[in-house]
Every structure is written in structure tokens, then in C-alpha cells.
Amino acid sequence: MTHLDITPTPRARRPRPKVVTLSDAAAERVREIMAKADKPYAGLRVGVKNGGCAGQEYVLEYADTANPLDEVVEDKGVTILIDPKAVLFLIGTVIDYEVSRLSAKFVFRNPNETDACGCGESVTITPAKLD
């Protein structure tokens, strides 16, 4: 019986896609907000919490530090920290910043949303299925 050497050939890992990305307008606005903050922050924390009439709400807040299990995304010069419990709800989301005559706000374009309330403050999100 001949012994075959079946040592795997090392190869570079395929880069993982970013959980969320920022539009140019959103990245610019986050950089402006962070520059005017009262102290330096580690990044922008993005998450999802239960609430609102549709069941869930997006959360944006300053992050003093990254938690050990946070998903860290660097996009357009902005550090985004994502709570690990929110990752499956946010996969593929683009965060945009829109200005109209009456308002200016961050908008989440999330392919996992299945419903939203009439006022746009809350959503229903189904976790992404990993193939």
C-alpha cells in the first residue's frame, strides 16, 4: 500500500463581505458628527432592538470601545461596531443619509426587512439565511 501525501495547499481566504456599508452621504455625515463629538469615540455602534409598532427599531449610538464580540466594519473612513445579536438582521444593509426640505435622517436599506410601520420609525426584520 502506497502512502499518499495529501497535505492541503494553503490558499488565501476569500474576504468576507461587510455586514453593512455606508453611502458616501452617510459616511460624510458620520465623520462630521464624530468630529464634533465631546470626546473621541471608537466608532458608531449599529444595532437592532425590540420596539415600535412594527416590532424592531434600528439603533445608532456613539461607542466608547469595541466589545470583544462586536463585528467591526471599516467603510469610507468610518468604524462601525455591530452588536453580534444584530448581525443576521443587518447583513447586506446600506446605511444612507437623506436630506429633504423638512428633515435629515439616516435611512437603512435592508434587504432583510419584511415590513415597516407607516411613520417609518420601526420595521420587521427576518434574520438572513446563511447558505
C-alpha atoms as a PDB file:
ATOM      1  CA  MET A   1       0.000   0.000   0.000  1.00  0.00           C
ATOM      2  CA  THR A   2       1.401   3.349  -1.026  1.00  0.00           C
ATOM      3  CA  HIS A   3       1.129   6.290   1.332  1.00  0.00           C
ATOM      4  CA  LEU A   4      -0.123   9.424  -0.434  1.00  0.00           C
ATOM      5  CA  ASP A   5       0.769  12.844   0.841  1.00  0.00           C
ATOM      6  CA  ILE A   6      -2.484  14.774   0.882  1.00  0.00           C
ATOM      7  CA  THR A   7      -1.291  17.910   2.616  1.00  0.00           C
ATOM      8  CA  PRO A   8      -3.627  20.742   1.646  1.00  0.00           C
ATOM      9  CA  THR A   9      -2.136  23.615  -0.262  1.00  0.00           C
ATOM     10  CA  PRO A  10      -2.539  26.805   1.751  1.00  0.00           C
ATOM     11  CA  ARG A  11      -4.509  29.476  -0.034  1.00  0.00           C
ATOM     12  CA  ALA A  12      -5.670  32.934   0.821  1.00  0.00           C
ATOM     13  CA  ARG A  13      -9.051  33.142   2.469  1.00  0.00           C
ATOM     14  CA  ARG A  14     -11.744  34.847   0.480  1.00  0.00           C
ATOM     15  CA  PRO A  15     -12.582  38.169   2.148  1.00  0.00           C
ATOM     16  CA  ARG A  16     -15.932  38.192   3.923  1.00  0.00           C
ATOM     17  CA  PRO A  17     -18.441  40.748   2.692  1.00  0.00           C
ATOM     18  CA  LYS A  18     -19.131  43.650   5.031  1.00  0.00           C
ATOM     19  CA  VAL A  19     -22.274  43.233   7.131  1.00  0.00           C
ATOM     20  CA  VAL A  20     -23.243  46.856   6.448  1.00  0.00           C
ATOM     21  CA  THR A  21     -21.911  49.557   4.162  1.00  0.00           C
ATOM     22  CA  LEU A  22     -22.341  53.317   4.145  1.00  0.00           C
ATOM     23  CA  SER A  23     -23.337  55.537   1.270  1.00  0.00           C
ATOM     24  CA  ASP A  24     -20.989  58.454   0.621  1.00  0.00           C
ATOM     25  CA  ALA A  25     -23.545  60.823   2.220  1.00  0.00           C
ATOM     26  CA  ALA A  26     -23.849  58.685   5.370  1.00  0.00           C
ATOM     27  CA  ALA A  27     -20.084  58.324   5.738  1.00  0.00           C
ATOM     28  CA  GLU A  28     -19.623  62.083   5.378  1.00  0.00           C
ATOM     29  CA  ARG A  29     -22.326  62.796   7.989  1.00  0.00           C
ATOM     30  CA  VAL A  30     -20.897  60.267  10.468  1.00  0.00           C
ATOM     31  CA  ARG A  31     -17.421  61.797  10.063  1.00  0.00           C
ATOM     32  CA  GLU A  32     -18.928  65.274  10.721  1.00  0.00           C
ATOM     33  CA  ILE A  33     -20.788  64.072  13.819  1.00  0.00           C
ATOM     34  CA  MET A  34     -17.747  62.249  15.199  1.00  0.00           C
ATOM     35  CA  ALA A  35     -15.529  65.303  14.613  1.00  0.00           C
ATOM     36  CA  LYS A  36     -17.924  67.449  16.681  1.00  0.00           C
ATOM     37  CA  ALA A  37     -18.357  64.891  19.492  1.00  0.00           C
ATOM     38  CA  ASP A  38     -17.421  65.954  23.008  1.00  0.00           C
ATOM     39  CA  LYS A  39     -14.736  63.220  23.200  1.00  0.00           C
ATOM     40  CA  PRO A  40     -13.101  60.663  20.896  1.00  0.00           C
ATOM     41  CA  TYR A  41     -15.131  57.511  20.278  1.00  0.00           C
ATOM     42  CA  ALA A  42     -14.116  54.081  18.985  1.00  0.00           C
ATOM     43  CA  GLY A  43     -16.827  54.224  16.343  1.00  0.00           C
ATOM     44  CA  LEU A  44     -20.509  54.210  15.580  1.00  0.00           C
ATOM     45  CA  ARG A  45     -22.472  51.362  17.170  1.00  0.00           C
ATOM     46  CA  VAL A  46     -25.279  49.996  14.984  1.00  0.00           C
ATOM     47  CA  GLY A  47     -27.839  47.549  16.261  1.00  0.00           C
ATOM     48  CA  VAL A  48     -31.440  46.453  16.351  1.00  0.00           C
ATOM     49  CA  LYS A  49     -33.740  46.487  19.382  1.00  0.00           C
ATOM     50  CA  ASN A  50     -37.294  45.361  20.005  1.00  0.00           C
ATOM     51  CA  GLY A  51     -39.775  48.214  19.921  1.00  0.00           C
ATOM     52  CA  GLY A  52     -42.115  50.304  17.836  1.00  0.00           C
ATOM     53  CA  CYS A  53     -45.367  49.264  16.235  1.00  0.00           C
ATOM     54  CA  ALA A  54     -43.670  47.027  13.630  1.00  0.00           C
ATOM     55  CA  GLY A  55     -41.591  45.194  16.253  1.00  0.00           C
ATOM     56  CA  GLN A  56     -37.990  46.386  15.808  1.00  0.00           C
ATOM     57  CA  GLU A  57     -36.029  49.614  15.635  1.00  0.00           C
ATOM     58  CA  TYR A  58     -32.564  50.446  14.373  1.00  0.00           C
ATOM     59  CA  VAL A  59     -30.148  51.845  16.944  1.00  0.00           C
ATOM     60  CA  LEU A  60     -27.277  54.262  16.232  1.00  0.00           C
ATOM     61  CA  GLU A  61     -25.071  55.477  19.079  1.00  0.00           C
ATOM     62  CA  TYR A  62     -21.538  56.503  19.939  1.00  0.00           C
ATOM     63  CA  ALA A  63     -19.325  53.598  21.046  1.00  0.00           C
ATOM     64  CA  ASP A  64     -16.659  54.291  23.669  1.00  0.00           C
ATOM     65  CA  THR A  65     -14.972  50.942  23.000  1.00  0.00           C
ATOM     66  CA  ALA A  66     -15.441  47.873  20.860  1.00  0.00           C
ATOM     67  CA  ASN A  67     -16.883  44.896  22.707  1.00  0.00           C
ATOM     68  CA  PRO A  68     -14.964  41.633  22.253  1.00  0.00           C
ATOM     69  CA  LEU A  69     -17.680  40.024  20.090  1.00  0.00           C
ATOM     70  CA  ASP A  70     -18.623  43.087  18.027  1.00  0.00           C
ATOM     71  CA  GLU A  71     -18.420  42.784  14.267  1.00  0.00           C
ATOM     72  CA  VAL A  72     -16.093  45.621  13.233  1.00  0.00           C
ATOM     73  CA  VAL A  73     -16.661  47.153   9.810  1.00  0.00           C
ATOM     74  CA  GLU A  74     -14.403  49.840   8.316  1.00  0.00           C
ATOM     75  CA  ASP A  75     -16.086  51.674   5.459  1.00  0.00           C
ATOM     76  CA  LYS A  76     -15.182  55.007   3.850  1.00  0.00           C
ATOM     77  CA  GLY A  77     -13.107  56.097   6.840  1.00  0.00           C
ATOM     78  CA  VAL A  78     -15.794  55.213   9.401  1.00  0.00           C
ATOM     79  CA  THR A  79     -15.610  52.470  12.033  1.00  0.00           C
ATOM     80  CA  ILE A  80     -18.919  50.705  12.563  1.00  0.00           C
ATOM     81  CA  LEU A  81     -19.370  48.342  15.522  1.00  0.00           C
ATOM     82  CA  ILE A  82     -22.223  45.863  15.232  1.00  0.00           C
ATOM     83  CA  ASP A  83     -23.701  44.006  18.181  1.00  0.00           C
ATOM     84  CA  PRO A  84     -23.308  40.273  17.439  1.00  0.00           C
ATOM     85  CA  LYS A  85     -27.042  39.717  18.088  1.00  0.00           C
ATOM     86  CA  ALA A  86     -27.857  42.145  15.252  1.00  0.00           C
ATOM     87  CA  VAL A  87     -25.528  40.753  12.548  1.00  0.00           C
ATOM     88  CA  LEU A  88     -28.035  38.361  10.936  1.00  0.00           C
ATOM     89  CA  PHE A  89     -30.660  41.132  10.870  1.00  0.00           C
ATOM     90  CA  LEU A  90     -28.293  43.608   9.168  1.00  0.00           C
ATOM     91  CA  ILE A  91     -26.436  41.532   6.545  1.00  0.00           C
ATOM     92  CA  GLY A  92     -26.489  43.398   3.243  1.00  0.00           C
ATOM     93  CA  THR A  93     -27.749  46.695   4.701  1.00  0.00           C
ATOM     94  CA  VAL A  94     -26.693  50.018   3.205  1.00  0.00           C
ATOM     95  CA  ILE A  95     -26.936  52.963   5.578  1.00  0.00           C
ATOM     96  CA  ASP A  96     -27.717  56.193   3.742  1.00  0.00           C
ATOM     97  CA  TYR A  97     -28.223  59.795   4.849  1.00  0.00           C
ATOM     98  CA  GLU A  98     -31.056  61.740   3.253  1.00  0.00           C
ATOM     99  CA  VAL A  99     -31.815  65.447   3.443  1.00  0.00           C
ATOM    100  CA  SER A 100     -35.186  66.802   2.368  1.00  0.00           C
ATOM    101  CA  ARG A 101     -36.881  70.159   2.825  1.00  0.00           C
ATOM    102  CA  LEU A 102     -38.339  69.089   6.174  1.00  0.00           C
ATOM    103  CA  SER A 103     -35.926  66.523   7.590  1.00  0.00           C
ATOM    104  CA  ALA A 104     -32.485  64.983   7.576  1.00  0.00           C
ATOM    105  CA  LYS A 105     -32.057  61.388   8.692  1.00  0.00           C
ATOM    106  CA  PHE A 106     -30.160  58.144   8.398  1.00  0.00           C
ATOM    107  CA  VAL A 107     -32.021  55.573   6.305  1.00  0.00           C
ATOM    108  CA  PHE A 108     -31.436  51.814   6.395  1.00  0.00           C
ATOM    109  CA  ARG A 109     -31.820  49.994   3.089  1.00  0.00           C
ATOM    110  CA  ASN A 110     -32.066  46.473   4.467  1.00  0.00           C
ATOM    111  CA  PRO A 111     -32.862  43.506   2.199  1.00  0.00           C
ATOM    112  CA  ASN A 112     -33.990  41.565   5.298  1.00  0.00           C
ATOM    113  CA  GLU A 113     -36.871  43.946   6.116  1.00  0.00           C
ATOM    114  CA  THR A 114     -40.259  42.381   5.572  1.00  0.00           C
ATOM    115  CA  ASP A 115     -42.467  45.225   6.823  1.00  0.00           C
ATOM    116  CA  ALA A 116     -42.361  48.768   8.206  1.00  0.00           C
ATOM    117  CA  CYS A 117     -44.779  50.942  10.127  1.00  0.00           C
ATOM    118  CA  GLY A 118     -46.461  53.890   8.428  1.00  0.00           C
ATOM    119  CA  CYS A 119     -44.277  56.508  10.090  1.00  0.00           C
ATOM    120  CA  GLY A 120     -41.052  54.676   9.211  1.00  0.00           C
ATOM    121  CA  GLU A 121     -39.773  54.535  12.792  1.00  0.00           C
ATOM    122  CA  SER A 122     -39.917  50.765  13.178  1.00  0.00           C
ATOM    123  CA  VAL A 123     -39.553  47.695  10.975  1.00  0.00           C
ATOM    124  CA  THR A 124     -39.966  43.966  10.895  1.00  0.00           C
ATOM    125  CA  ILE A 125     -36.737  42.165  10.019  1.00  0.00           C
ATOM    126  CA  THR A 126     -36.252  38.491   9.264  1.00  0.00           C
ATOM    127  CA  PRO A 127     -32.740  37.177  10.010  1.00  0.00           C
ATOM    128  CA  ALA A 128     -30.701  36.441   6.881  1.00  0.00           C
ATOM    129  CA  LYS A 129     -30.399  32.776   5.963  1.00  0.00           C
ATOM    130  CA  LEU A 130     -26.808  31.620   5.684  1.00  0.00           C
ATOM    131  CA  ASP A 131     -26.322  29.149   2.824  1.00  0.00           C
END
